[in-house]
Amino acid sequence: LEIAKGFGSANLESDSSGDPKIRGRIDGISYSIYFYGCTKAKNCDSIQFATSWRISEISLKKINEWNRRKRFGKAYLDEEGDPVVLMDKNLDYGVSRTNLDDSFDWWQSIMKSFEKEFID
């Protein structure tokens, strides 16, 4: 949460399973971080960064092109045809603060790149 706040606004919440969830905003883009493999809402073994836009003018062909060109971050169209962008991060056996900070930097770059290419 502290690292997320260094990139913009962020709040700690819980998901429907009681696991932690962070909701934040970076450069005006809303996102969530979901925690997986948790034991009693702690010691989670992975996280997933996620964002979406309510815009259904993007074709599956364009999404597939994005996924082919990009090494980090993956995109898909949800049930309504809106784009969703995800990035997974393994936390098993520990992650340094510097490494997690770098992951946020990658996430910021991925969101801005997707927004510039498809939304702006």
C-alpha atoms as a PDB file:
ATOM      1  CA  LEU A   1       0.000   0.000   0.000  1.00  0.00           C
ATOM      2  CA  GLU A   2       2.824   2.373   0.861  1.00  0.00           C
ATOM      3  CA  ILE A   3       4.475   1.810  -2.535  1.00  0.00           C
ATOM      4  CA  ALA A   4       1.118   2.225  -4.312  1.00  0.00           C
ATOM      5  CA  LYS A   5       0.617   5.565  -2.570  1.00  0.00           C
ATOM      6  CA  GLY A   6       3.994   6.675  -3.910  1.00  0.00           C
ATOM      7  CA  PHE A   7       2.534   6.413  -7.422  1.00  0.00           C
ATOM      8  CA  GLY A   8      -0.823   8.072  -6.680  1.00  0.00           C
ATOM      9  CA  SER A   9      -3.844   7.562  -4.477  1.00  0.00           C
ATOM     10  CA  ALA A  10      -4.452   4.102  -3.028  1.00  0.00           C
ATOM     11  CA  ASN A  11      -6.677   2.441  -0.425  1.00  0.00           C
ATOM     12  CA  LEU A  12      -6.570  -0.987   1.167  1.00  0.00           C
ATOM     13  CA  GLU A  13      -9.813  -2.961   1.042  1.00  0.00           C
ATOM     14  CA  SER A  14     -10.856  -6.606   1.202  1.00  0.00           C
ATOM     15  CA  ASP A  15     -12.268  -8.715  -1.616  1.00  0.00           C
ATOM     16  CA  SER A  16     -15.288 -11.003  -1.293  1.00  0.00           C
ATOM     17  CA  SER A  17     -13.039 -13.754   0.141  1.00  0.00           C
ATOM     18  CA  GLY A  18     -11.608 -11.459   2.796  1.00  0.00           C
ATOM     19  CA  ASP A  19      -8.226 -11.223   1.061  1.00  0.00           C
ATOM     20  CA  PRO A  20      -6.541  -7.835   0.701  1.00  0.00           C
ATOM     21  CA  LYS A  21      -7.273  -5.687  -2.338  1.00  0.00           C
ATOM     22  CA  ILE A  22      -5.787  -2.327  -3.221  1.00  0.00           C
ATOM     23  CA  ARG A  23      -7.734   0.228  -5.234  1.00  0.00           C
ATOM     24  CA  GLY A  24      -5.656   3.029  -6.632  1.00  0.00           C
ATOM     25  CA  ARG A  25      -5.203   5.664  -9.273  1.00  0.00           C
ATOM     26  CA  ILE A  26      -2.053   6.427 -11.247  1.00  0.00           C
ATOM     27  CA  ASP A  27      -1.970   9.315 -13.731  1.00  0.00           C
ATOM     28  CA  GLY A  28      -5.768   9.440 -13.651  1.00  0.00           C
ATOM     29  CA  ILE A  29      -6.176   5.725 -14.428  1.00  0.00           C
ATOM     30  CA  SER A  30      -8.033   3.615 -11.838  1.00  0.00           C
ATOM     31  CA  TYR A  31      -6.707   0.151 -11.086  1.00  0.00           C
ATOM     32  CA  SER A  32      -6.963  -2.647  -8.539  1.00  0.00           C
ATOM     33  CA  ILE A  33      -4.455  -5.104  -7.124  1.00  0.00           C
ATOM     34  CA  TYR A  34      -5.824  -8.520  -6.196  1.00  0.00           C
ATOM     35  CA  PHE A  35      -3.989 -10.819  -3.776  1.00  0.00           C
ATOM     36  CA  TYR A  36      -3.931 -14.596  -4.349  1.00  0.00           C
ATOM     37  CA  GLY A  37      -2.809 -17.665  -2.432  1.00  0.00           C
ATOM     38  CA  CYS A  38      -3.349 -15.967   0.911  1.00  0.00           C
ATOM     39  CA  THR A  39      -3.552 -17.709   4.266  1.00  0.00           C
ATOM     40  CA  LYS A  40      -6.053 -15.912   6.498  1.00  0.00           C
ATOM     41  CA  ALA A  41      -5.623 -12.714   4.418  1.00  0.00           C
ATOM     42  CA  LYS A  42      -1.813 -12.803   4.893  1.00  0.00           C
ATOM     43  CA  ASN A  43       1.255 -14.406   3.336  1.00  0.00           C
ATOM     44  CA  CYS A  44      -0.154 -14.101  -0.184  1.00  0.00           C
ATOM     45  CA  ASP A  45       1.955 -15.734  -2.900  1.00  0.00           C
ATOM     46  CA  SER A  46       0.988 -13.545  -5.864  1.00  0.00           C
ATOM     47  CA  ILE A  47      -0.740 -10.346  -6.860  1.00  0.00           C
ATOM     48  CA  GLN A  48      -2.494  -9.245 -10.016  1.00  0.00           C
ATOM     49  CA  PHE A  49      -2.657  -5.647 -11.190  1.00  0.00           C
ATOM     50  CA  ALA A  50      -5.872  -4.980 -13.140  1.00  0.00           C
ATOM     51  CA  THR A  51      -7.543  -2.090 -14.920  1.00  0.00           C
ATOM     52  CA  SER A  52     -10.339  -1.713 -17.432  1.00  0.00           C
ATOM     53  CA  TRP A  53     -12.084   0.892 -19.497  1.00  0.00           C
ATOM     54  CA  ARG A  54     -15.755   1.165 -20.440  1.00  0.00           C
ATOM     55  CA  ILE A  55     -15.229   1.469 -24.167  1.00  0.00           C
ATOM     56  CA  SER A  56     -16.253  -1.242 -26.590  1.00  0.00           C
ATOM     57  CA  GLU A  57     -14.850   0.101 -29.866  1.00  0.00           C
ATOM     58  CA  ILE A  58     -11.662  -1.979 -29.643  1.00  0.00           C
ATOM     59  CA  SER A  59     -11.531  -5.083 -31.799  1.00  0.00           C
ATOM     60  CA  LEU A  60     -10.260  -8.462 -30.695  1.00  0.00           C
ATOM     61  CA  LYS A  61      -7.746  -8.233 -33.543  1.00  0.00           C
ATOM     62  CA  LYS A  62      -6.264  -5.076 -31.994  1.00  0.00           C
ATOM     63  CA  ILE A  63      -6.158  -6.690 -28.548  1.00  0.00           C
ATOM     64  CA  ASN A  64      -4.350  -9.715 -30.010  1.00  0.00           C
ATOM     65  CA  GLU A  65      -1.842  -7.405 -31.744  1.00  0.00           C
ATOM     66  CA  TRP A  66      -1.215  -5.672 -28.407  1.00  0.00           C
ATOM     67  CA  ASN A  67      -0.587  -9.018 -26.689  1.00  0.00           C
ATOM     68  CA  ARG A  68       1.837 -10.104 -29.421  1.00  0.00           C
ATOM     69  CA  ARG A  69       3.869  -6.891 -29.210  1.00  0.00           C
ATOM     70  CA  LYS A  70       3.973  -6.449 -25.436  1.00  0.00           C
ATOM     71  CA  ARG A  71       6.103  -8.523 -23.151  1.00  0.00           C
ATOM     72  CA  PHE A  72       4.586  -7.303 -19.884  1.00  0.00           C
ATOM     73  CA  GLY A  73       0.873  -6.916 -19.335  1.00  0.00           C
ATOM     74  CA  LYS A  74      -1.856  -8.790 -21.132  1.00  0.00           C
ATOM     75  CA  ALA A  75      -5.180  -7.577 -22.433  1.00  0.00           C
ATOM     76  CA  TYR A  76      -8.539  -9.109 -23.227  1.00  0.00           C
ATOM     77  CA  LEU A  77     -12.108  -8.023 -23.906  1.00  0.00           C
ATOM     78  CA  ASP A  78     -14.601  -8.722 -21.121  1.00  0.00           C
ATOM     79  CA  GLU A  79     -18.182  -9.975 -21.552  1.00  0.00           C
ATOM     80  CA  GLU A  80     -19.354  -6.504 -22.608  1.00  0.00           C
ATOM     81  CA  GLY A  81     -16.468  -6.068 -25.057  1.00  0.00           C
ATOM     82  CA  ASP A  82     -14.620  -3.600 -22.822  1.00  0.00           C
ATOM     83  CA  PRO A  83     -10.803  -3.874 -22.605  1.00  0.00           C
ATOM     84  CA  VAL A  84      -9.149  -5.223 -19.466  1.00  0.00           C
ATOM     85  CA  VAL A  85      -5.388  -5.088 -18.853  1.00  0.00           C
ATOM     86  CA  LEU A  86      -3.657  -7.346 -16.304  1.00  0.00           C
ATOM     87  CA  MET A  87      -0.161  -7.895 -14.950  1.00  0.00           C
ATOM     88  CA  ASP A  88       0.742 -10.739 -12.585  1.00  0.00           C
ATOM     89  CA  LYS A  89       3.520 -10.684 -10.006  1.00  0.00           C
ATOM     90  CA  ASN A  90       4.883 -13.724  -8.174  1.00  0.00           C
ATOM     91  CA  LEU A  91       5.637 -13.077  -4.489  1.00  0.00           C
ATOM     92  CA  ASP A  92       6.804 -16.566  -3.484  1.00  0.00           C
ATOM     93  CA  TYR A  93       9.965 -16.592  -1.353  1.00  0.00           C
ATOM     94  CA  GLY A  94       9.936 -12.819  -0.963  1.00  0.00           C
ATOM     95  CA  VAL A  95      10.224  -9.716  -3.079  1.00  0.00           C
ATOM     96  CA  SER A  96      12.352  -6.712  -2.246  1.00  0.00           C
ATOM     97  CA  ARG A  97      10.823  -3.277  -1.882  1.00  0.00           C
ATOM     98  CA  THR A  98      12.928  -2.120  -4.844  1.00  0.00           C
ATOM     99  CA  ASN A  99      11.624  -4.965  -6.996  1.00  0.00           C
ATOM    100  CA  LEU A 100       7.999  -4.235  -6.076  1.00  0.00           C
ATOM    101  CA  ASP A 101       8.550  -0.534  -6.718  1.00  0.00           C
ATOM    102  CA  ASP A 102       9.894  -1.457 -10.160  1.00  0.00           C
ATOM    103  CA  SER A 103       6.776  -3.571 -10.772  1.00  0.00           C
ATOM    104  CA  PHE A 104       4.627  -0.520 -10.072  1.00  0.00           C
ATOM    105  CA  ASP A 105       6.763   1.421 -12.520  1.00  0.00           C
ATOM    106  CA  TRP A 106       6.116  -1.274 -15.166  1.00  0.00           C
ATOM    107  CA  TRP A 107       2.398  -1.222 -14.354  1.00  0.00           C
ATOM    108  CA  GLN A 108       2.261   2.560 -14.759  1.00  0.00           C
ATOM    109  CA  SER A 109       4.018   2.264 -18.110  1.00  0.00           C
ATOM    110  CA  ILE A 110       1.688  -0.518 -19.305  1.00  0.00           C
ATOM    111  CA  MET A 111      -1.467   1.404 -18.387  1.00  0.00           C
ATOM    112  CA  LYS A 112      -0.241   4.629 -19.978  1.00  0.00           C
ATOM    113  CA  SER A 113       0.849   2.795 -23.130  1.00  0.00           C
ATOM    114  CA  PHE A 114      -2.520   1.038 -23.490  1.00  0.00           C
ATOM    115  CA  GLU A 115      -4.431   4.245 -22.832  1.00  0.00           C
ATOM    116  CA  LYS A 116      -2.338   6.184 -25.365  1.00  0.00           C
ATOM    117  CA  GLU A 117      -2.753   3.519 -28.043  1.00  0.00           C
ATOM    118  CA  PHE A 118      -6.440   2.673 -27.570  1.00  0.00           C
ATOM    119  CA  ILE A 119      -8.239   5.245 -25.441  1.00  0.00           C
ATOM    120  CA  ASP A 120      -6.825   8.708 -26.268  1.00  0.00           C
END
